[in-house]
């Protein structure tokens, strides 16, 4: 019975390796190169950076290319704004110190 484990474990490991390799190649098609990132930040505006933070690099690059090619969204006063612009945003404020933590007056020299 133990010979079954000896025969099956290497085969299962090889199949898992091939499956993970296929997954890795499918994920690497959507990567962005370092030169694309550098070009993005050279020409980025505030809307592009907001899109980057909200939707990711590929969507931000697409919207920047559309804006630079003149195909970006043109808004009139009559057109409604998208839902994402009407939603409230959270403001994150970091406190300087924890008010519940009391500092000791002198160091413990034990």
PDB file of N, CA and C in Angstrom:
ATOM      1  N   UNK A   1       0.807  -1.190   0.000  1.00  0.00           N
ATOM      2  CA  UNK A   1       0.000   0.000   0.000  1.00  0.00           C
ATOM      3  C   UNK A   1       0.859   1.267   0.000  1.00  0.00           C
ATOM      4  N   UNK A   2       2.011   1.218   0.662  1.00  0.00           N
ATOM      5  CA  UNK A   2       2.874   2.398   0.695  1.00  0.00           C
ATOM      6  C   UNK A   2       3.489   2.678  -0.675  1.00  0.00           C
ATOM      7  N   UNK A   3       3.624   1.654  -1.517  1.00  0.00           N
ATOM      8  CA  UNK A   3       4.151   1.877  -2.862  1.00  0.00           C
ATOM      9  C   UNK A   3       3.215   2.768  -3.668  1.00  0.00           C
ATOM     10  N   UNK A   4       1.924   2.786  -3.324  1.00  0.00           N
ATOM     11  CA  UNK A   4       0.959   3.639  -4.008  1.00  0.00           C
ATOM     12  C   UNK A   4       1.262   5.117  -3.722  1.00  0.00           C
ATOM     13  N   UNK A   5       1.602   5.426  -2.491  1.00  0.00           N
ATOM     14  CA  UNK A   5       1.989   6.795  -2.147  1.00  0.00           C
ATOM     15  C   UNK A   5       3.280   7.201  -2.859  1.00  0.00           C
ATOM     16  N   UNK A   6       4.223   6.268  -2.918  1.00  0.00           N
ATOM     17  CA  UNK A   6       5.496   6.557  -3.586  1.00  0.00           C
ATOM     18  C   UNK A   6       5.275   6.825  -5.070  1.00  0.00           C
ATOM     19  N   UNK A   7       4.311   6.166  -5.672  1.00  0.00           N
ATOM     20  CA  UNK A   7       4.058   6.333  -7.101  1.00  0.00           C
ATOM     21  C   UNK A   7       3.197   7.559  -7.393  1.00  0.00           C
ATOM     22  N   UNK A   8       2.268   7.897  -6.514  1.00  0.00           N
ATOM     23  CA  UNK A   8       1.323   8.969  -6.817  1.00  0.00           C
ATOM     24  C   UNK A   8       1.795  10.365  -6.399  1.00  0.00           C
ATOM     25  N   UNK A   9       2.524  10.484  -5.311  1.00  0.00           N
ATOM     26  CA  UNK A   9       2.918  11.803  -4.812  1.00  0.00           C
ATOM     27  C   UNK A   9       3.763  12.571  -5.831  1.00  0.00           C
ATOM     28  N   UNK A  10       4.813  11.993  -6.438  1.00  0.00           N
ATOM     29  CA  UNK A  10       5.568  12.765  -7.434  1.00  0.00           C
ATOM     30  C   UNK A  10       4.714  13.168  -8.639  1.00  0.00           C
ATOM     31  N   UNK A  11       3.825  12.291  -9.066  1.00  0.00           N
ATOM     32  CA  UNK A  11       2.951  12.635 -10.186  1.00  0.00           C
ATOM     33  C   UNK A  11       2.020  13.786  -9.847  1.00  0.00           C
ATOM     34  N   UNK A  12       1.455  13.788  -8.647  1.00  0.00           N
ATOM     35  CA  UNK A  12       0.581  14.884  -8.224  1.00  0.00           C
ATOM     36  C   UNK A  12       1.353  16.189  -8.097  1.00  0.00           C
ATOM     37  N   UNK A  13       2.582  16.118  -7.611  1.00  0.00           N
ATOM     38  CA  UNK A  13       3.402  17.324  -7.520  1.00  0.00           C
ATOM     39  C   UNK A  13       3.728  17.896  -8.900  1.00  0.00           C
ATOM     40  N   UNK A  14       4.019  17.028  -9.850  1.00  0.00           N
ATOM     41  CA  UNK A  14       4.305  17.506 -11.198  1.00  0.00           C
ATOM     42  C   UNK A  14       3.068  18.134 -11.833  1.00  0.00           C
ATOM     43  N   UNK A  15       1.903  17.528 -11.624  1.00  0.00           N
ATOM     44  CA  UNK A  15       0.670  18.105 -12.173  1.00  0.00           C
ATOM     45  C   UNK A  15       0.378  19.464 -11.539  1.00  0.00           C
ATOM     46  N   UNK A  16       0.617  19.611 -10.243  1.00  0.00           N
ATOM     47  CA  UNK A  16       0.417  20.896  -9.580  1.00  0.00           C
ATOM     48  C   UNK A  16       1.393  21.936 -10.115  1.00  0.00           C
ATOM     49  N   UNK A  17       2.617  21.518 -10.396  1.00  0.00           N
ATOM     50  CA  UNK A  17       3.616  22.441 -10.944  1.00  0.00           C
ATOM     51  C   UNK A  17       3.188  22.950 -12.310  1.00  0.00           C
ATOM     52  N   UNK A  18       2.715  22.073 -13.166  1.00  0.00           N
ATOM     53  CA  UNK A  18       2.258  22.492 -14.494  1.00  0.00           C
ATOM     54  C   UNK A  18       1.038  23.397 -14.410  1.00  0.00           C
ATOM     55  N   UNK A  19       0.136  23.109 -13.498  1.00  0.00           N
ATOM     56  CA  UNK A  19      -1.051  23.952 -13.342  1.00  0.00           C
ATOM     57  C   UNK A  19      -0.672  25.344 -12.859  1.00  0.00           C
ATOM     58  N   UNK A  20       0.255  25.421 -11.915  1.00  0.00           N
ATOM     59  CA  UNK A  20       0.683  26.733 -11.426  1.00  0.00           C
ATOM     60  C   UNK A  20       1.461  27.503 -12.486  1.00  0.00           C
ATOM     61  N   UNK A  21       2.210  26.796 -13.334  1.00  0.00           N
ATOM     62  CA  UNK A  21       2.921  27.462 -14.422  1.00  0.00           C
ATOM     63  C   UNK A  21       1.935  28.078 -15.414  1.00  0.00           C
ATOM     64  N   UNK A  22       0.870  27.360 -15.732  1.00  0.00           N
ATOM     65  CA  UNK A  22      -0.152  27.903 -16.636  1.00  0.00           C
ATOM     66  C   UNK A  22      -0.837  29.109 -16.015  1.00  0.00           C
ATOM     67  N   UNK A  23      -1.094  29.045 -14.715  1.00  0.00           N
ATOM     68  CA  UNK A  23      -1.700  30.179 -14.024  1.00  0.00           C
ATOM     69  C   UNK A  23      -0.773  31.388 -14.051  1.00  0.00           C
ATOM     70  N   UNK A  24       0.500  31.165 -13.849  1.00  0.00           N
ATOM     71  CA  UNK A  24       1.466  32.253 -13.859  1.00  0.00           C
ATOM     72  C   UNK A  24       1.557  32.907 -15.236  1.00  0.00           C
ATOM     73  N   UNK A  25       1.554  32.127 -16.299  1.00  0.00           N
ATOM     74  CA  UNK A  25       1.625  32.722 -17.638  1.00  0.00           C
ATOM     75  C   UNK A  25       0.365  33.504 -17.959  1.00  0.00           C
ATOM     76  N   UNK A  26      -0.789  33.057 -17.477  1.00  0.00           N
ATOM     77  CA  UNK A  26      -2.010  33.821 -17.737  1.00  0.00           C
ATOM     78  C   UNK A  26      -2.023  35.120 -16.946  1.00  0.00           C
ATOM     79  N   UNK A  27      -1.411  35.144 -15.781  1.00  0.00           N
ATOM     80  CA  UNK A  27      -1.345  36.366 -14.993  1.00  0.00           C
ATOM     81  C   UNK A  27      -0.305  37.336 -15.520  1.00  0.00           C
ATOM     82  N   UNK A  28       0.756  36.843 -16.107  1.00  0.00           N
ATOM     83  CA  UNK A  28       1.828  37.724 -16.569  1.00  0.00           C
ATOM     84  C   UNK A  28       1.451  38.497 -17.827  1.00  0.00           C
ATOM     85  N   UNK A  29       0.397  38.115 -18.515  1.00  0.00           N
ATOM     86  CA  UNK A  29      -0.022  38.854 -19.714  1.00  0.00           C
ATOM     87  C   UNK A  29      -0.553  40.232 -19.356  1.00  0.00           C
ATOM     88  N   UNK A  30      -1.096  40.400 -18.154  1.00  0.00           N
ATOM     89  CA  UNK A  30      -1.704  41.658 -17.766  1.00  0.00           C
ATOM     90  C   UNK A  30      -0.762  42.573 -16.995  1.00  0.00           C
ATOM     91  N   UNK A  31       0.523  42.276 -16.994  1.00  0.00           N
ATOM     92  CA  UNK A  31       1.452  43.090 -16.229  1.00  0.00           C
ATOM     93  C   UNK A  31       1.801  44.365 -16.987  1.00  0.00           C
ATOM     94  N   UNK A  32       2.261  45.341 -16.237  1.00  0.00           N
ATOM     95  CA  UNK A  32       2.634  46.638 -16.786  1.00  0.00           C
ATOM     96  C   UNK A  32       4.136  46.791 -16.582  1.00  0.00           C
ATOM     97  N   UNK A  33       4.833  47.247 -17.608  1.00  0.00           N
ATOM     98  CA  UNK A  33       6.285  47.376 -17.507  1.00  0.00           C
ATOM     99  C   UNK A  33       6.673  48.648 -16.750  1.00  0.00           C
ATOM    100  N   UNK A  34       7.919  48.709 -16.343  1.00  0.00           N
ATOM    101  CA  UNK A  34       8.411  49.869 -15.598  1.00  0.00           C
ATOM    102  C   UNK A  34       8.407  51.126 -16.467  1.00  0.00           C
ATOM    103  N   UNK A  35       8.649  50.977 -17.746  1.00  0.00           N
ATOM    104  CA  UNK A  35       8.624  52.159 -18.627  1.00  0.00           C
ATOM    105  C   UNK A  35       7.206  52.710 -18.769  1.00  0.00           C
ATOM    106  N   UNK A  36       6.193  51.812 -18.747  1.00  0.00           N
ATOM    107  CA  UNK A  36       4.801  52.283 -18.785  1.00  0.00           C
ATOM    108  C   UNK A  36       4.464  53.083 -17.534  1.00  0.00           C
ATOM    109  N   UNK A  37       4.943  52.623 -16.390  1.00  0.00           N
ATOM    110  CA  UNK A  37       4.677  53.326 -15.128  1.00  0.00           C
ATOM    111  C   UNK A  37       5.364  54.687 -15.124  1.00  0.00           C
ATOM    112  N   UNK A  38       6.616  54.736 -15.603  1.00  0.00           N
ATOM    113  CA  UNK A  38       7.335  56.011 -15.644  1.00  0.00           C
ATOM    114  C   UNK A  38       6.652  56.998 -16.587  1.00  0.00           C
ATOM    115  N   UNK A  39       6.210  56.520 -17.745  1.00  0.00           N
ATOM    116  CA  UNK A  39       5.507  57.399 -18.687  1.00  0.00           C
ATOM    117  C   UNK A  39       4.180  57.868 -18.116  1.00  0.00           C
ATOM    118  N   UNK A  40       3.514  56.992 -17.369  1.00  0.00           N
ATOM    119  CA  UNK A  40       2.239  57.371 -16.756  1.00  0.00           C
ATOM    120  C   UNK A  40       2.436  58.521 -15.781  1.00  0.00           C
ATOM    121  N   UNK A  41       3.443  58.416 -14.905  1.00  0.00           N
ATOM    122  CA  UNK A  41       3.637  59.447 -13.894  1.00  0.00           C
ATOM    123  C   UNK A  41       4.192  60.743 -14.474  1.00  0.00           C
ATOM    124  N   UNK A  42       4.831  60.704 -15.627  1.00  0.00           N
ATOM    125  CA  UNK A  42       5.291  61.939 -16.255  1.00  0.00           C
ATOM    126  C   UNK A  42       4.121  62.771 -16.760  1.00  0.00           C
ATOM    127  N   UNK A  43       3.060  62.117 -17.224  1.00  0.00           N
ATOM    128  CA  UNK A  43       1.931  62.819 -17.823  1.00  0.00           C
ATOM    129  C   UNK A  43       0.673  62.764 -16.969  1.00  0.00           C
ATOM    130  N   UNK A  44       0.761  62.271 -15.748  1.00  0.00           N
ATOM    131  CA  UNK A  44      -0.424  62.058 -14.919  1.00  0.00           C
ATOM    132  C   UNK A  44      -0.978  63.368 -14.384  1.00  0.00           C
ATOM    133  N   UNK A  45      -2.310  63.419 -14.324  1.00  0.00           N
ATOM    134  CA  UNK A  45      -3.018  64.517 -13.685  1.00  0.00           C
ATOM    135  C   UNK A  45      -3.732  63.946 -12.471  1.00  0.00           C
ATOM    136  N   UNK A  46      -4.432  64.802 -11.763  1.00  0.00           N
ATOM    137  CA  UNK A  46      -5.101  64.369 -10.529  1.00  0.00           C
ATOM    138  C   UNK A  46      -6.141  63.282 -10.804  1.00  0.00           C
ATOM    139  N   UNK A  47      -6.897  63.412 -11.898  1.00  0.00           N
ATOM    140  CA  UNK A  47      -7.898  62.390 -12.222  1.00  0.00           C
ATOM    141  C   UNK A  47      -7.247  61.044 -12.530  1.00  0.00           C
ATOM    142  N   UNK A  48      -6.088  61.081 -13.171  1.00  0.00           N
ATOM    143  CA  UNK A  48      -5.388  59.831 -13.486  1.00  0.00           C
ATOM    144  C   UNK A  48      -4.912  59.135 -12.216  1.00  0.00           C
ATOM    145  N   UNK A  49      -4.412  59.900 -11.260  1.00  0.00           N
ATOM    146  CA  UNK A  49      -3.936  59.316 -10.014  1.00  0.00           C
ATOM    147  C   UNK A  49      -5.107  58.767  -9.209  1.00  0.00           C
ATOM    148  N   UNK A  50      -6.248  59.464  -9.228  1.00  0.00           N
ATOM    149  CA  UNK A  50      -7.441  58.944  -8.555  1.00  0.00           C
ATOM    150  C   UNK A  50      -7.893  57.634  -9.177  1.00  0.00           C
ATOM    151  N   UNK A  51      -7.846  57.553 -10.501  1.00  0.00           N
ATOM    152  CA  UNK A  51      -8.215  56.306 -11.181  1.00  0.00           C
ATOM    153  C   UNK A  51      -7.234  55.198 -10.829  1.00  0.00           C
ATOM    154  N   UNK A  52      -5.957  55.524 -10.716  1.00  0.00           N
ATOM    155  CA  UNK A  52      -4.954  54.544 -10.326  1.00  0.00           C
ATOM    156  C   UNK A  52      -5.240  53.991  -8.935  1.00  0.00           C
ATOM    157  N   UNK A  53      -5.562  54.860  -8.003  1.00  0.00           N
ATOM    158  CA  UNK A  53      -5.829  54.415  -6.639  1.00  0.00           C
ATOM    159  C   UNK A  53      -7.128  53.616  -6.548  1.00  0.00           C
ATOM    160  N   UNK A  54      -8.117  53.990  -7.337  1.00  0.00           N
ATOM    161  CA  UNK A  54      -9.424  53.347  -7.249  1.00  0.00           C
ATOM    162  C   UNK A  54      -9.502  52.056  -8.053  1.00  0.00           C
ATOM    163  N   UNK A  55      -8.986  52.046  -9.286  1.00  0.00           N
ATOM    164  CA  UNK A  55      -9.226  50.930 -10.206  1.00  0.00           C
ATOM    165  C   UNK A  55      -7.993  50.134 -10.588  1.00  0.00           C
ATOM    166  N   UNK A  56      -6.799  50.641 -10.336  1.00  0.00           N
ATOM    167  CA  UNK A  56      -5.601  49.910 -10.698  1.00  0.00           C
ATOM    168  C   UNK A  56      -4.874  50.530 -11.880  1.00  0.00           C
ATOM    169  N   UNK A  57      -3.689  49.997 -12.147  1.00  0.00           N
ATOM    170  CA  UNK A  57      -2.805  50.595 -13.144  1.00  0.00           C
ATOM    171  C   UNK A  57      -3.328  50.456 -14.559  1.00  0.00           C
ATOM    172  N   UNK A  58      -3.884  49.313 -14.918  1.00  0.00           N
ATOM    173  CA  UNK A  58      -4.319  49.131 -16.305  1.00  0.00           C
ATOM    174  C   UNK A  58      -5.472  50.073 -16.643  1.00  0.00           C
ATOM    175  N   UNK A  59      -6.431  50.253 -15.733  1.00  0.00           N
ATOM    176  CA  UNK A  59      -7.539  51.181 -15.993  1.00  0.00           C
ATOM    177  C   UNK A  59      -7.038  52.618 -16.037  1.00  0.00           C
ATOM    178  N   UNK A  60      -6.065  52.952 -15.176  1.00  0.00           N
ATOM    179  CA  UNK A  60      -5.523  54.307 -15.167  1.00  0.00           C
ATOM    180  C   UNK A  60      -4.788  54.605 -16.468  1.00  0.00           C
ATOM    181  N   UNK A  61      -4.019  53.628 -16.970  1.00  0.00           N
ATOM    182  CA  UNK A  61      -3.338  53.819 -18.257  1.00  0.00           C
ATOM    183  C   UNK A  61      -4.337  53.993 -19.389  1.00  0.00           C
ATOM    184  N   UNK A  62      -5.410  53.196 -19.375  1.00  0.00           N
ATOM    185  CA  UNK A  62      -6.430  53.325 -20.417  1.00  0.00           C
ATOM    186  C   UNK A  62      -7.086  54.700 -20.400  1.00  0.00           C
ATOM    187  N   UNK A  63      -7.446  55.176 -19.211  1.00  0.00           N
ATOM    188  CA  UNK A  63      -8.103  56.482 -19.139  1.00  0.00           C
ATOM    189  C   UNK A  63      -7.137  57.604 -19.524  1.00  0.00           C
ATOM    190  N   UNK A  64      -5.850  57.452 -19.171  1.00  0.00           N
ATOM    191  CA  UNK A  64      -4.882  58.472 -19.556  1.00  0.00           C
ATOM    192  C   UNK A  64      -4.685  58.488 -21.069  1.00  0.00           C
ATOM    193  N   UNK A  65      -4.623  57.310 -21.695  1.00  0.00           N
ATOM    194  CA  UNK A  65      -4.478  57.262 -23.156  1.00  0.00           C
ATOM    195  C   UNK A  65      -5.697  57.871 -23.836  1.00  0.00           C
ATOM    196  N   UNK A  66      -6.886  57.588 -23.319  1.00  0.00           N
ATOM    197  CA  UNK A  66      -8.095  58.183 -23.896  1.00  0.00           C
ATOM    198  C   UNK A  66      -8.092  59.696 -23.737  1.00  0.00           C
ATOM    199  N   UNK A  67      -7.651  60.180 -22.579  1.00  0.00           N
ATOM    200  CA  UNK A  67      -7.605  61.625 -22.338  1.00  0.00           C
ATOM    201  C   UNK A  67      -6.596  62.291 -23.261  1.00  0.00           C
ATOM    202  N   UNK A  68      -5.423  61.682 -23.423  1.00  0.00           N
ATOM    203  CA  UNK A  68      -4.392  62.280 -24.267  1.00  0.00           C
ATOM    204  C   UNK A  68      -4.746  62.235 -25.742  1.00  0.00           C
ATOM    205  N   UNK A  69      -5.521  61.243 -26.150  1.00  0.00           N
ATOM    206  CA  UNK A  69      -5.931  61.150 -27.549  1.00  0.00           C
ATOM    207  C   UNK A  69      -7.184  61.960 -27.848  1.00  0.00           C
ATOM    208  N   UNK A  70      -7.716  62.639 -26.838  1.00  0.00           N
ATOM    209  CA  UNK A  70      -8.901  63.457 -27.049  1.00  0.00           C
ATOM    210  C   UNK A  70     -10.192  62.668 -27.037  1.00  0.00           C
ATOM    211  N   UNK A  71     -10.158  61.434 -26.576  1.00  0.00           N
ATOM    212  CA  UNK A  71     -11.361  60.612 -26.551  1.00  0.00           C
ATOM    213  C   UNK A  71     -11.955  60.542 -25.158  1.00  0.00           C
ATOM    214  N   UNK A  72     -11.427  61.303 -24.241  1.00  0.00           N
ATOM    215  CA  UNK A  72     -11.884  61.249 -22.860  1.00  0.00           C
ATOM    216  C   UNK A  72     -13.285  61.796 -22.720  1.00  0.00           C
ATOM    217  N   UNK A  73     -13.896  61.592 -21.580  1.00  0.00           N
ATOM    218  CA  UNK A  73     -15.257  62.066 -21.378  1.00  0.00           C
ATOM    219  C   UNK A  73     -15.293  63.582 -21.305  1.00  0.00           C
ATOM    220  N   UNK A  74     -16.180  64.180 -22.095  1.00  0.00           N
ATOM    221  CA  UNK A  74     -16.373  65.618 -22.080  1.00  0.00           C
ATOM    222  C   UNK A  74     -17.680  65.879 -21.350  1.00  0.00           C
ATOM    223  N   UNK A  75     -17.623  66.753 -20.361  1.00  0.00           N
ATOM    224  CA  UNK A  75     -18.805  66.971 -19.544  1.00  0.00           C
ATOM    225  C   UNK A  75     -19.366  68.355 -19.800  1.00  0.00           C
ATOM    226  N   UNK A  76     -20.667  68.409 -19.902  1.00  0.00           N
ATOM    227  CA  UNK A  76     -21.398  69.664 -19.947  1.00  0.00           C
ATOM    228  C   UNK A  76     -22.063  69.844 -18.601  1.00  0.00           C
ATOM    229  N   UNK A  77     -22.688  70.995 -18.403  1.00  0.00           N
ATOM    230  CA  UNK A  77     -23.449  71.183 -17.192  1.00  0.00           C
ATOM    231  C   UNK A  77     -24.704  70.328 -17.184  1.00  0.00           C
ATOM    232  N   UNK A  78     -25.148  69.870 -18.354  1.00  0.00           N
ATOM    233  CA  UNK A  78     -26.382  69.098 -18.445  1.00  0.00           C
ATOM    234  C   UNK A  78     -26.184  67.622 -18.144  1.00  0.00           C
ATOM    235  N   UNK A  79     -24.979  67.109 -18.305  1.00  0.00           N
ATOM    236  CA  UNK A  79     -24.752  65.682 -18.117  1.00  0.00           C
ATOM    237  C   UNK A  79     -24.596  65.365 -16.643  1.00  0.00           C
ATOM    238  N   UNK A  80     -25.218  64.283 -16.189  1.00  0.00           N
ATOM    239  CA  UNK A  80     -25.059  63.915 -14.772  1.00  0.00           C
ATOM    240  C   UNK A  80     -23.658  63.369 -14.518  1.00  0.00           C
ATOM    241  N   UNK A  81     -23.188  63.539 -13.310  1.00  0.00           N
ATOM    242  CA  UNK A  81     -21.881  63.011 -12.947  1.00  0.00           C
ATOM    243  C   UNK A  81     -22.003  61.527 -12.647  1.00  0.00           C
ATOM    244  N   UNK A  82     -20.937  60.750 -12.842  1.00  0.00           N
ATOM    245  CA  UNK A  82     -20.999  59.322 -12.525  1.00  0.00           C
ATOM    246  C   UNK A  82     -21.222  59.100 -11.033  1.00  0.00           C
ATOM    247  N   UNK A  83     -21.704  57.916 -10.690  1.00  0.00           N
ATOM    248  CA  UNK A  83     -21.984  57.594  -9.289  1.00  0.00           C
ATOM    249  C   UNK A  83     -20.738  57.671  -8.427  1.00  0.00           C
ATOM    250  N   UNK A  84     -19.583  57.326  -9.000  1.00  0.00           N
ATOM    251  CA  UNK A  84     -18.358  57.320  -8.203  1.00  0.00           C
ATOM    252  C   UNK A  84     -17.977  58.725  -7.752  1.00  0.00           C
ATOM    253  N   UNK A  85     -18.388  59.756  -8.468  1.00  0.00           N
ATOM    254  CA  UNK A  85     -18.065  61.110  -8.061  1.00  0.00           C
ATOM    255  C   UNK A  85     -19.071  61.661  -7.067  1.00  0.00           C
ATOM    256  N   UNK A  86     -20.262  61.073  -6.994  1.00  0.00           N
ATOM    257  CA  UNK A  86     -21.270  61.544  -6.061  1.00  0.00           C
ATOM    258  C   UNK A  86     -21.193  60.833  -4.717  1.00  0.00           C
ATOM    259  N   UNK A  87     -20.483  59.729  -4.639  1.00  0.00           N
ATOM    260  CA  UNK A  87     -20.407  58.977  -3.396  1.00  0.00           C
ATOM    261  C   UNK A  87     -19.532  59.697  -2.381  1.00  0.00           C
ATOM    262  N   UNK A  88     -19.869  59.595  -1.106  1.00  0.00           N
ATOM    263  CA  UNK A  88     -19.011  60.230  -0.100  1.00  0.00           C
ATOM    264  C   UNK A  88     -17.699  59.471   0.037  1.00  0.00           C
ATOM    265  N   UNK A  89     -16.661  60.197   0.310  1.00  0.00           N
ATOM    266  CA  UNK A  89     -15.360  59.570   0.480  1.00  0.00           C
ATOM    267  C   UNK A  89     -14.942  59.673   1.932  1.00  0.00           C
ATOM    268  N   UNK A  90     -14.201  58.699   2.368  1.00  0.00           N
ATOM    269  CA  UNK A  90     -13.731  58.658   3.741  1.00  0.00           C
ATOM    270  C   UNK A  90     -12.445  59.450   3.864  1.00  0.00           C
ATOM    271  N   UNK A  91     -12.354  60.265   4.886  1.00  0.00           N
ATOM    272  CA  UNK A  91     -11.137  61.007   5.158  1.00  0.00           C
ATOM    273  C   UNK A  91     -10.426  60.293   6.291  1.00  0.00           C
ATOM    274  N   UNK A  92      -9.205  59.886   6.046  1.00  0.00           N
ATOM    275  CA  UNK A  92      -8.429  59.157   7.034  1.00  0.00           C
ATOM    276  C   UNK A  92      -7.507  60.128   7.746  1.00  0.00           C
ATOM    277  N   UNK A  93      -7.699  60.249   9.050  1.00  0.00           N
ATOM    278  CA  UNK A  93      -6.883  61.159   9.848  1.00  0.00           C
ATOM    279  C   UNK A  93      -6.116  60.328  10.867  1.00  0.00           C
ATOM    280  N   UNK A  94      -4.808  60.447  10.841  1.00  0.00           N
ATOM    281  CA  UNK A  94      -3.971  59.731  11.793  1.00  0.00           C
ATOM    282  C   UNK A  94      -3.789  60.604  13.035  1.00  0.00           C
ATOM    283  N   UNK A  95      -4.012  60.033  14.187  1.00  0.00           N
ATOM    284  CA  UNK A  95      -3.790  60.793  15.412  1.00  0.00           C
ATOM    285  C   UNK A  95      -2.308  60.764  15.749  1.00  0.00           C
ATOM    286  N   UNK A  96      -1.868  61.789  16.424  1.00  0.00           N
ATOM    287  CA  UNK A  96      -0.450  61.890  16.749  1.00  0.00           C
ATOM    288  C   UNK A  96      -0.050  60.891  17.821  1.00  0.00           C
ATOM    289  N   UNK A  97      -0.901  60.710  18.830  1.00  0.00           N
ATOM    290  CA  UNK A  97      -0.551  59.794  19.908  1.00  0.00           C
ATOM    291  C   UNK A  97      -1.823  59.129  20.422  1.00  0.00           C
ATOM    292  N   UNK A  98      -1.647  58.026  21.101  1.00  0.00           N
ATOM    293  CA  UNK A  98      -2.762  57.329  21.715  1.00  0.00           C
ATOM    294  C   UNK A  98      -3.087  58.039  23.025  1.00  0.00           C
ATOM    295  N   UNK A  99      -4.293  58.614  23.184  1.00  0.00           N
ATOM    296  CA  UNK A  99      -4.593  59.352  24.411  1.00  0.00           C
ATOM    297  C   UNK A  99      -4.733  58.440  25.627  1.00  0.00           C
ATOM    298  N   UNK A 100      -4.932  57.153  25.446  1.00  0.00           N
ATOM    299  CA  UNK A 100      -5.074  56.246  26.577  1.00  0.00           C
ATOM    300  C   UNK A 100      -3.728  55.773  27.124  1.00  0.00           C
ATOM    301  N   UNK A 101      -2.687  55.993  26.392  1.00  0.00           N
ATOM    302  CA  UNK A 101      -1.362  55.552  26.825  1.00  0.00           C
ATOM    303  C   UNK A 101      -0.717  56.658  27.639  1.00  0.00           C
ATOM    304  N   UNK A 102      -0.339  56.348  28.862  1.00  0.00           N
ATOM    305  CA  UNK A 102       0.299  57.335  29.738  1.00  0.00           C
ATOM    306  C   UNK A 102       1.795  57.029  29.812  1.00  0.00           C
ATOM    307  N   UNK A 103       2.601  58.001  29.509  1.00  0.00           N
ATOM    308  CA  UNK A 103       4.042  57.823  29.573  1.00  0.00           C
ATOM    309  C   UNK A 103       4.485  57.773  31.023  1.00  0.00           C
ATOM    310  N   UNK A 104       5.508  57.006  31.291  1.00  0.00           N
ATOM    311  CA  UNK A 104       6.065  56.969  32.642  1.00  0.00           C
ATOM    312  C   UNK A 104       6.914  58.214  32.857  1.00  0.00           C
ATOM    313  N   UNK A 105       6.969  58.662  34.103  1.00  0.00           N
ATOM    314  CA  UNK A 105       7.718  59.889  34.400  1.00  0.00           C
ATOM    315  C   UNK A 105       9.216  59.636  34.424  1.00  0.00           C
ATOM    316  N   UNK A 106       9.626  58.477  34.857  1.00  0.00           N
ATOM    317  CA  UNK A 106      11.049  58.152  34.878  1.00  0.00           C
ATOM    318  C   UNK A 106      11.237  56.719  34.435  1.00  0.00           C
ATOM    319  N   UNK A 107      12.367  56.426  33.844  1.00  0.00           N
ATOM    320  CA  UNK A 107      12.569  55.068  33.346  1.00  0.00           C
ATOM    321  C   UNK A 107      12.707  54.064  34.493  1.00  0.00           C
ATOM    322  N   UNK A 108      12.284  52.857  34.225  1.00  0.00           N
ATOM    323  CA  UNK A 108      12.417  51.786  35.202  1.00  0.00           C
ATOM    324  C   UNK A 108      13.810  51.196  35.053  1.00  0.00           C
ATOM    325  N   UNK A 109      14.658  51.334  36.038  1.00  0.00           N
ATOM    326  CA  UNK A 109      16.048  50.945  35.925  1.00  0.00           C
ATOM    327  C   UNK A 109      16.297  49.539  36.477  1.00  0.00           C
ATOM    328  N   UNK A 110      15.325  48.709  36.454  1.00  0.00           N
ATOM    329  CA  UNK A 110      15.489  47.357  37.002  1.00  0.00           C
ATOM    330  C   UNK A 110      16.316  46.516  36.084  1.00  0.00           C
TER     331      UNK A 110
END
